[in-house]
Amino acid sequence: MNYKEATEFLFNSLPMYQRIGKIAYKKDIGNIKIACEEFNQPQKKFKSIHVGGTNGKGSVSHMIASVLQEKKLKVGLYTSPHLKDFRERIKINGKPISKEKVVEFVKNNFDFFKKNKLSFFEMTVLLSFLHFSSKKVDIAVIEVGLGGRLDSTNIINPILSVITNISLDHTNLLGNSIKKIAQEKGGIIKRNTPIIIGRKNKISDSIFNKIASEKKSKIFFSNKKNNYTTDLNGDFQIENISTAEKTFQVLNEEKIINISPIEISKGLNRVIKNTGLRGRWEITFLKPKIIFDIGHNIDAINKSINEINELYYENLHMVIGFVNDKNLKKILNLLPKSAYYYFCKPNIPRGFCERELLNMSQKFNLTGKCFSTSSIAFEKANENANKNDIIFVGGSTFLVAELI
């Protein structure tokens, strides 16, 4: 078995939520419990920080990992989804897991995976736990995949948990209100374990306070002001910096890990270098300015539009595509009417049809055309753009992954 065969087994043989959606979502953590018992509880052999929330959890996870690396710790980082290579999901001090380790994992445990019908995400989480355990990391930053309460990552017992913010996303799975989503996200709050909340919201805060009280856990809310900068682009990172800064403050105050202001400053300004994070307001070319951003729900796309409005440009070209579980009417209503749109479908089964997207967009007075592939759409945008224009690629993590 080679690396391609191993990853094809992971991607295709078992349900993968990112590709096929709701039918791949498991509403329990029974399988990951069985798997971790089979492999002698690898998640109990290293310290961890658990990071959940609707938006920003990937950026915050990378920020925390980067700062801990500046403290000269051996830091595991588990995030999802990946953009170009499966191994992006599992890193130690910015270095992805080896191809050999992935092949060995699938080859040696193939029968166990088949017998117990582990999902793609369950196998991936298990692999991260085994990798971090075998490499004896000092600490691992574990990003929630989806939700929290029933997410496979929620088998860990972290030293601290973080919830970045709550907004409407994956409503077909997590509930169609802030209250319901907060109850799911709040499921990562553990007994006697500090919890950091990134963005205040009256509805979700009441839920989190109730859960924290029941679990006898100290709850901390981040401040809007912060004392640091980051190498990650976009004003929306200000909120993520505040969340990360509060995390370090609590780690210090609760005498969990002592982190100096210098280590925090260095780590926040070396996130890309230390962790290899990509796809967050990433500018890959200047004339024209080409921007990639994986924001894919109403809150995230609204922030992207606000960022664009702060920039100078002559013409705006939007290469846009979505998956089929988003509130597209509300999203399309947010998009600037002055832009020219290149609608396309992310190349996954749950990608939303580009022709339907074009038809919907016309009801919101958006101008553009649809294209059969994302690469053709992007190529056409590049042909049409002059040096003072902006090309924005977004709407879906998977679309960004295809073109970045």
Protein backbone atom coordinates (compact mmCIF):
# COMPACT_ATOMS: atom_id res chain seq x y z
CA MET A 1 0.00 0.00 0.00
CA ASN A 2 1.32 3.46 -0.92
CA TYR A 3 0.33 6.92 0.33
CA LYS A 4 -2.17 7.55 -2.46
CA GLU A 5 -3.92 4.24 -1.79
CA ALA A 6 -3.98 4.91 1.96
CA THR A 7 -5.54 8.36 1.60
CA GLU A 8 -8.02 7.11 -1.00
CA PHE A 9 -9.16 4.53 1.54
CA LEU A 10 -9.56 7.26 4.15
CA PHE A 11 -11.40 9.61 1.79
CA ASN A 12 -13.61 7.26 -0.18
CA SER A 13 -14.21 3.97 1.60
CA LEU A 14 -16.01 5.45 4.59
CA PRO A 15 -18.28 8.45 5.18
CA MET A 16 -16.53 11.80 4.99
CA TYR A 17 -18.69 14.73 6.09
CA GLN A 18 -16.69 17.32 4.16
CA ARG A 19 -17.46 15.57 0.87
CA ILE A 20 -20.96 14.16 1.24
CA GLY A 21 -22.51 16.08 4.12
CA LYS A 22 -25.22 15.19 6.62
CA ILE A 23 -25.41 11.43 6.01
CA ALA A 24 -21.76 11.11 7.08
CA TYR A 25 -22.31 12.93 10.39
CA LYS A 26 -22.38 10.60 13.38
CA LYS A 27 -24.38 11.76 16.38
CA ASP A 28 -22.35 9.91 18.99
CA ILE A 29 -18.74 9.35 20.04
CA GLY A 30 -19.07 5.61 20.62
CA ASN A 31 -16.75 4.61 17.79
CA ILE A 32 -13.89 6.87 18.81
CA LYS A 33 -14.20 5.54 22.38
CA ILE A 34 -13.92 1.97 21.10
CA ALA A 35 -10.97 2.91 18.91
CA CYS A 36 -9.10 4.70 21.70
CA GLU A 37 -9.67 1.74 24.04
CA GLU A 38 -8.27 -0.59 21.36
CA PHE A 39 -5.12 1.54 21.13
CA ASN A 40 -4.60 2.00 24.89
CA GLN A 41 -6.07 5.49 25.22
CA PRO A 42 -3.43 7.52 23.33
CA GLN A 43 -5.31 10.78 24.00
CA LYS A 44 -4.54 10.42 27.72
CA LYS A 45 -0.78 10.40 27.15
CA PHE A 46 -0.35 14.11 26.36
CA LYS A 47 -1.76 17.43 27.58
CA SER A 48 -4.17 19.21 25.28
CA ILE A 49 -6.07 22.42 24.60
CA HIS A 50 -9.46 22.05 22.91
CA VAL A 51 -10.64 24.78 20.50
CA GLY A 52 -14.19 25.03 19.15
CA GLY A 53 -16.57 27.68 17.83
CA THR A 54 -18.26 28.65 14.58
CA ASN A 55 -15.61 30.88 13.02
CA GLY A 56 -11.96 31.54 13.82
CA LYS A 57 -11.24 28.26 15.56
CA GLY A 58 -8.64 27.30 12.96
CA SER A 59 -6.81 30.62 13.21
CA VAL A 60 -6.95 30.59 17.02
CA SER A 61 -5.68 27.00 17.12
CA HIS A 62 -2.72 27.94 14.95
CA MET A 63 -2.05 31.08 17.02
CA ILE A 64 -1.99 29.08 20.26
CA ALA A 65 0.26 26.41 18.74
CA SER A 66 2.66 29.03 17.36
CA VAL A 67 3.03 30.76 20.73
CA LEU A 68 3.58 27.46 22.53
CA GLN A 69 6.27 26.65 19.97
CA GLU A 70 8.01 29.93 20.84
CA LYS A 71 8.15 28.59 24.39
CA LYS A 72 10.26 25.76 22.95
CA LEU A 73 7.59 23.15 23.61
CA LYS A 74 6.96 20.18 21.35
CA VAL A 75 3.48 21.09 20.11
CA GLY A 76 1.00 18.85 18.30
CA LEU A 77 -1.65 20.54 16.17
CA TYR A 78 -4.77 18.82 14.85
CA THR A 79 -7.05 20.84 12.54
CA SER A 80 -9.55 20.27 9.74
CA PRO A 81 -10.23 20.32 6.89
CA HIS A 82 -7.02 20.36 4.86
CA LEU A 83 -6.46 22.41 1.73
CA LYS A 84 -3.90 20.58 -0.41
CA ASP A 85 -2.62 17.52 1.47
CA PHE A 86 -4.29 15.30 4.07
CA ARG A 87 -1.16 15.55 6.25
CA GLU A 88 -1.85 19.26 6.93
CA ARG A 89 -4.35 18.08 9.54
CA ILE A 90 -1.71 16.54 11.82
CA LYS A 91 1.46 18.47 12.61
CA ILE A 92 4.13 18.68 15.28
CA ASN A 93 5.90 22.03 15.48
CA GLY A 94 4.63 22.82 12.01
CA LYS A 95 5.88 19.58 10.43
CA PRO A 96 3.15 17.38 8.91
CA ILE A 97 2.91 13.71 9.79
CA SER A 98 4.98 11.58 7.39
CA LYS A 99 3.43 9.74 4.46
CA GLU A 100 4.97 6.55 5.83
CA LYS A 101 3.13 6.99 9.14
CA VAL A 102 -0.20 7.43 7.34
CA VAL A 103 0.38 4.30 5.22
CA GLU A 104 1.43 2.28 8.26
CA PHE A 105 -1.67 3.41 10.16
CA VAL A 106 -4.08 2.31 7.43
CA LYS A 107 -2.23 -0.87 6.44
CA ASN A 108 -1.77 -2.22 9.98
CA ASN A 109 -5.33 -1.45 11.13
CA PHE A 110 -7.33 -2.02 7.97
CA ASP A 111 -9.36 -4.94 9.35
CA PHE A 112 -10.15 -3.09 12.59
CA PHE A 113 -11.41 -0.05 10.66
CA LYS A 114 -13.61 -2.21 8.44
CA LYS A 115 -15.01 -4.25 11.31
CA ASN A 116 -15.89 -1.22 13.44
CA LYS A 117 -16.97 0.98 10.52
CA LEU A 118 -14.94 3.97 11.58
CA SER A 119 -15.68 7.16 9.67
CA PHE A 120 -13.04 9.25 7.92
CA PHE A 121 -13.04 11.77 10.77
CA GLU A 122 -12.85 9.11 13.49
CA MET A 123 -9.83 7.50 11.84
CA THR A 124 -8.14 10.86 11.35
CA VAL A 125 -8.66 11.90 14.97
CA LEU A 126 -7.34 8.52 16.13
CA LEU A 127 -4.27 8.91 13.91
CA SER A 128 -3.55 12.33 15.41
CA PHE A 129 -3.80 10.95 18.95
CA LEU A 130 -1.47 8.05 18.13
CA HIS A 131 1.02 10.34 16.41
CA PHE A 132 1.13 12.87 19.24
CA SER A 133 1.41 10.10 21.82
CA SER A 134 4.19 8.23 20.03
CA LYS A 135 6.17 11.43 19.46
CA LYS A 136 5.70 12.43 23.12
CA VAL A 137 4.49 15.96 22.49
CA ASP A 138 4.46 18.33 25.46
CA ILE A 139 1.00 19.54 24.49
CA ALA A 140 -1.42 19.31 21.57
CA VAL A 141 -3.88 21.89 20.29
CA ILE A 142 -6.98 20.03 19.09
CA GLU A 143 -9.52 21.80 16.88
CA VAL A 144 -13.12 20.60 16.98
CA GLY A 145 -14.32 19.23 13.66
CA LEU A 146 -18.03 20.06 13.81
CA GLY A 147 -20.16 21.10 16.77
CA GLY A 148 -18.51 19.93 19.95
CA ARG A 149 -20.64 17.76 22.21
CA LEU A 150 -20.69 14.80 19.80
CA ASP A 151 -17.47 15.55 17.93
CA SER A 152 -14.85 12.79 17.89
CA THR A 153 -12.27 15.15 19.40
CA ASN A 154 -14.43 15.50 22.51
CA ILE A 155 -12.96 12.37 24.05
CA ILE A 156 -9.94 14.37 25.28
CA ASN A 157 -9.57 15.83 28.77
CA PRO A 158 -7.90 19.17 28.05
CA ILE A 159 -6.12 21.51 30.44
CA LEU A 160 -8.21 24.33 28.96
CA SER A 161 -10.97 24.76 26.37
CA VAL A 162 -11.75 27.64 24.00
CA ILE A 163 -14.96 28.57 22.17
CA THR A 164 -14.23 31.37 19.70
CA ASN A 165 -17.76 32.52 18.85
CA ILE A 166 -21.23 31.30 17.94
CA SER A 167 -23.12 32.07 14.74
CA LEU A 168 -25.44 30.18 12.41
CA ASP A 169 -23.70 27.43 10.43
CA HIS A 170 -24.39 23.72 9.84
CA THR A 171 -27.93 24.42 11.08
CA ASN A 172 -29.17 21.15 9.55
CA LEU A 173 -26.95 19.31 12.04
CA LEU A 174 -26.46 21.57 15.06
CA GLY A 175 -29.81 23.37 15.24
CA ASN A 176 -31.32 26.46 13.67
CA SER A 177 -30.81 28.90 16.54
CA ILE A 178 -27.92 30.43 18.48
CA LYS A 179 -29.23 28.70 21.62
CA LYS A 180 -29.19 25.22 20.07
CA ILE A 181 -25.79 25.70 18.46
CA ALA A 182 -24.35 27.04 21.74
CA GLN A 183 -25.58 23.93 23.54
CA GLU A 184 -23.70 21.76 21.04
CA LYS A 185 -20.53 23.89 21.06
CA GLY A 186 -20.68 24.13 24.86
CA GLY A 187 -20.37 20.36 25.02
CA ILE A 188 -16.58 20.75 25.04
CA ILE A 189 -16.69 22.45 28.45
CA LYS A 190 -15.15 19.92 30.85
CA ARG A 191 -15.46 19.55 34.62
CA ASN A 192 -13.05 21.73 36.63
CA THR A 193 -11.40 22.92 33.41
CA PRO A 194 -11.11 26.62 32.46
CA ILE A 195 -13.16 27.70 29.44
CA ILE A 196 -12.41 30.77 27.32
CA ILE A 197 -15.21 32.45 25.34
CA GLY A 198 -14.02 34.63 22.47
CA ARG A 199 -17.05 36.72 21.49
CA LYS A 200 -19.80 37.80 23.86
CA ASN A 201 -23.41 37.09 22.97
CA LYS A 202 -26.28 37.29 25.47
CA ILE A 203 -27.96 34.11 24.29
CA SER A 204 -24.88 31.89 24.00
CA ASP A 205 -23.24 33.38 27.12
CA SER A 206 -26.18 32.31 29.27
CA ILE A 207 -25.82 28.76 27.93
CA PHE A 208 -22.06 28.69 28.54
CA ASN A 209 -22.39 30.14 32.04
CA LYS A 210 -24.97 27.48 32.92
CA ILE A 211 -22.81 24.61 31.62
CA ALA A 212 -19.68 26.00 33.31
CA SER A 213 -21.54 26.31 36.61
CA GLU A 214 -22.80 22.72 36.38
CA LYS A 215 -19.27 21.50 35.56
CA LYS A 216 -17.70 23.69 38.28
CA SER A 217 -15.45 25.21 35.62
CA LYS A 218 -14.12 28.76 35.63
CA ILE A 219 -15.35 30.74 32.64
CA PHE A 220 -13.46 33.68 31.11
CA PHE A 221 -14.56 36.10 28.40
CA SER A 222 -12.00 37.76 26.14
CA ASN A 223 -11.73 41.53 25.80
CA LYS A 224 -12.23 43.30 22.49
CA LYS A 225 -9.00 45.21 23.01
CA ASN A 226 -5.69 43.44 22.59
CA ASN A 227 -2.02 44.26 22.92
CA TYR A 228 -0.64 42.23 20.02
CA THR A 229 -0.45 41.95 16.24
CA THR A 230 -0.23 38.93 13.96
CA ASP A 231 1.23 38.00 10.60
CA LEU A 232 -2.20 36.76 9.51
CA ASN A 233 -4.00 39.21 7.20
CA GLY A 234 -7.43 40.70 7.81
CA ASP A 235 -8.96 42.94 10.45
CA PHE A 236 -11.18 40.02 11.50
CA GLN A 237 -8.05 38.49 13.06
CA ILE A 238 -8.27 41.16 15.78
CA GLU A 239 -11.03 39.15 17.47
CA ASN A 240 -8.98 35.96 17.14
CA ILE A 241 -5.93 37.67 18.66
CA SER A 242 -8.08 38.74 21.63
CA THR A 243 -9.28 35.18 22.12
CA ALA A 244 -5.73 33.81 21.95
CA GLU A 245 -4.44 36.53 24.27
CA LYS A 246 -7.11 35.68 26.86
CA THR A 247 -6.10 32.03 26.58
CA PHE A 248 -2.48 32.85 27.44
CA GLN A 249 -3.58 35.14 30.26
CA VAL A 250 -5.63 32.34 31.84
CA LEU A 251 -2.85 29.79 31.35
CA ASN A 252 -0.61 32.17 33.31
CA GLU A 253 -3.11 33.17 36.00
CA GLU A 254 -4.23 29.61 36.64
CA LYS A 255 -0.56 28.55 36.83
CA ILE A 256 -1.02 26.00 34.05
CA ILE A 257 1.72 27.23 31.69
CA ASN A 258 3.82 30.34 32.17
CA ILE A 259 4.04 32.26 28.89
CA SER A 260 5.89 35.57 28.61
CA PRO A 261 4.71 38.62 26.62
CA ILE A 262 7.75 38.21 24.35
CA GLU A 263 6.79 34.60 23.57
CA ILE A 264 3.22 35.69 22.86
CA SER A 265 4.35 38.51 20.56
CA LYS A 266 6.81 36.31 18.66
CA GLY A 267 4.32 33.47 18.32
CA LEU A 268 1.48 35.65 17.05
CA ASN A 269 3.75 37.23 14.45
CA ARG A 270 5.14 33.88 13.26
CA VAL A 271 1.93 31.89 12.85
CA ILE A 272 2.47 31.20 9.16
CA LYS A 273 6.16 30.41 9.61
CA ASN A 274 5.64 28.20 12.67
CA THR A 275 2.50 26.33 11.61
CA GLY A 276 2.11 26.69 7.83
CA LEU A 277 -1.45 28.05 8.08
CA ARG A 278 -2.99 28.95 4.71
CA GLY A 279 -6.27 30.20 3.23
CA ARG A 280 -7.10 32.92 5.75
CA TRP A 281 -7.27 36.16 3.74
CA GLU A 282 -4.18 34.91 1.92
CA ILE A 283 -2.85 37.30 -0.71
CA THR A 284 -0.92 35.39 -3.38
CA PHE A 285 -0.42 38.08 -6.00
CA LEU A 286 -0.44 41.89 -5.95
CA LYS A 287 -1.14 43.11 -9.52
CA PRO A 288 -3.96 42.23 -9.65
CA LYS A 289 -4.40 41.52 -5.96
CA ILE A 290 -5.57 37.92 -5.58
CA ILE A 291 -7.14 37.03 -2.23
CA PHE A 292 -8.14 33.58 -0.99
CA ASP A 293 -10.34 33.14 2.07
CA ILE A 294 -12.06 30.00 3.33
CA GLY A 295 -14.88 31.84 5.15
CA HIS A 296 -18.07 30.04 4.16
CA ASN A 297 -20.98 31.16 6.35
CA ILE A 298 -22.91 34.41 6.74
CA ASP A 299 -20.76 35.78 9.56
CA ALA A 300 -17.45 34.96 7.87
CA ILE A 301 -18.47 36.18 4.42
CA ASN A 302 -19.80 39.42 5.89
CA LYS A 303 -16.36 39.98 7.43
CA SER A 304 -14.71 39.31 4.08
CA ILE A 305 -16.94 41.88 2.38
CA ASN A 306 -16.06 44.42 5.08
CA GLU A 307 -12.38 43.74 4.41
CA ILE A 308 -12.84 44.24 0.67
CA ASN A 309 -14.66 47.52 1.27
CA GLU A 310 -11.55 48.86 3.01
CA LEU A 311 -9.35 48.22 -0.04
CA TYR A 312 -8.67 50.35 -3.10
CA TYR A 313 -9.40 48.75 -6.47
CA GLU A 314 -10.80 49.58 -9.89
CA ASN A 315 -12.83 46.40 -10.48
CA LEU A 316 -13.76 43.51 -8.22
CA HIS A 317 -13.83 39.97 -9.60
CA MET A 318 -15.46 37.37 -7.32
CA VAL A 319 -14.77 33.68 -7.99
CA ILE A 320 -17.46 32.15 -5.81
CA GLY A 321 -18.85 28.70 -5.04
CA PHE A 322 -20.69 27.09 -2.15
CA VAL A 323 -21.74 23.76 -0.70
CA ASN A 324 -25.41 22.89 -0.58
CA ASP A 325 -26.15 23.34 3.13
CA LYS A 326 -25.67 27.13 3.31
CA ASN A 327 -28.31 29.87 3.55
CA LEU A 328 -27.50 31.13 0.08
CA LYS A 329 -30.24 33.74 -0.10
CA LYS A 330 -28.82 35.57 2.91
CA ILE A 331 -25.25 35.18 1.66
CA LEU A 332 -26.07 36.43 -1.86
CA ASN A 333 -27.83 39.41 -0.35
CA LEU A 334 -24.55 40.38 1.36
CA LEU A 335 -22.40 40.28 -1.77
CA PRO A 336 -21.42 43.58 -3.45
CA LYS A 337 -23.52 44.41 -6.50
CA SER A 338 -20.65 46.30 -8.14
CA ALA A 339 -18.55 43.14 -8.53
CA TYR A 340 -18.44 40.75 -11.48
CA TYR A 341 -19.06 37.12 -10.49
CA TYR A 342 -17.56 33.87 -11.73
CA PHE A 343 -19.84 31.21 -10.28
CA CYS A 344 -18.57 27.64 -10.03
CA LYS A 345 -19.20 24.43 -8.10
CA PRO A 346 -16.67 23.04 -5.59
CA ASN A 347 -15.63 19.64 -6.92
CA ILE A 348 -17.27 17.57 -4.19
CA PRO A 349 -20.64 15.76 -4.17
CA ARG A 350 -22.28 18.36 -1.94
CA GLY A 351 -21.11 21.30 -4.04
CA PHE A 352 -23.96 23.62 -5.10
CA CYS A 353 -24.73 23.67 -8.84
CA GLU A 354 -23.14 26.66 -10.57
CA ARG A 355 -26.13 27.17 -12.90
CA GLU A 356 -28.57 27.27 -10.01
CA LEU A 357 -26.26 29.68 -8.23
CA LEU A 358 -26.22 31.98 -11.27
CA ASN A 359 -30.02 31.88 -11.48
CA MET A 360 -30.35 32.70 -7.78
CA SER A 361 -27.80 35.51 -8.02
CA GLN A 362 -29.80 37.33 -10.68
CA LYS A 363 -32.63 37.82 -8.17
CA PHE A 364 -30.13 39.81 -6.09
CA ASN A 365 -28.96 41.91 -9.05
CA LEU A 366 -25.54 40.28 -9.20
CA THR A 367 -23.78 40.26 -12.57
CA GLY A 368 -21.70 37.37 -13.82
CA LYS A 369 -21.48 33.99 -15.53
CA CYS A 370 -21.21 30.38 -14.41
CA PHE A 371 -18.37 28.03 -15.31
CA SER A 372 -18.17 24.25 -15.43
CA THR A 373 -15.02 24.09 -13.28
CA SER A 374 -13.36 26.33 -10.72
CA SER A 375 -10.13 26.40 -12.72
CA ILE A 376 -11.90 27.79 -15.79
CA ALA A 377 -13.65 30.40 -13.63
CA PHE A 378 -10.37 31.45 -12.03
CA GLU A 379 -8.58 31.53 -15.39
CA LYS A 380 -11.30 33.78 -16.82
CA ALA A 381 -11.09 36.13 -13.84
CA ASN A 382 -7.34 36.43 -14.38
CA GLU A 383 -7.86 37.17 -18.08
CA ASN A 384 -10.34 39.95 -17.31
CA ALA A 385 -8.53 41.60 -14.40
CA ASN A 386 -6.14 44.51 -14.79
CA LYS A 387 -3.30 45.35 -12.39
CA ASN A 388 -5.47 47.61 -10.21
CA ASP A 389 -8.25 45.05 -9.76
CA ILE A 390 -8.99 42.53 -7.03
CA ILE A 391 -9.75 38.86 -7.59
CA PHE A 392 -11.41 37.30 -4.55
CA VAL A 393 -11.76 33.52 -4.28
CA GLY A 394 -14.07 32.21 -1.56
CA GLY A 395 -17.42 30.92 -0.38
CA SER A 396 -16.12 27.42 0.30
CA THR A 397 -13.04 25.85 1.86
CA PHE A 398 -13.07 23.30 -0.96
CA LEU A 399 -13.13 25.92 -3.70
CA VAL A 400 -10.13 27.65 -2.12
CA ALA A 401 -8.36 24.29 -1.84
CA GLU A 402 -8.79 23.69 -5.57
CA LEU A 403 -7.33 27.05 -6.63
CA ILE A 404 -4.82 28.23 -4.03
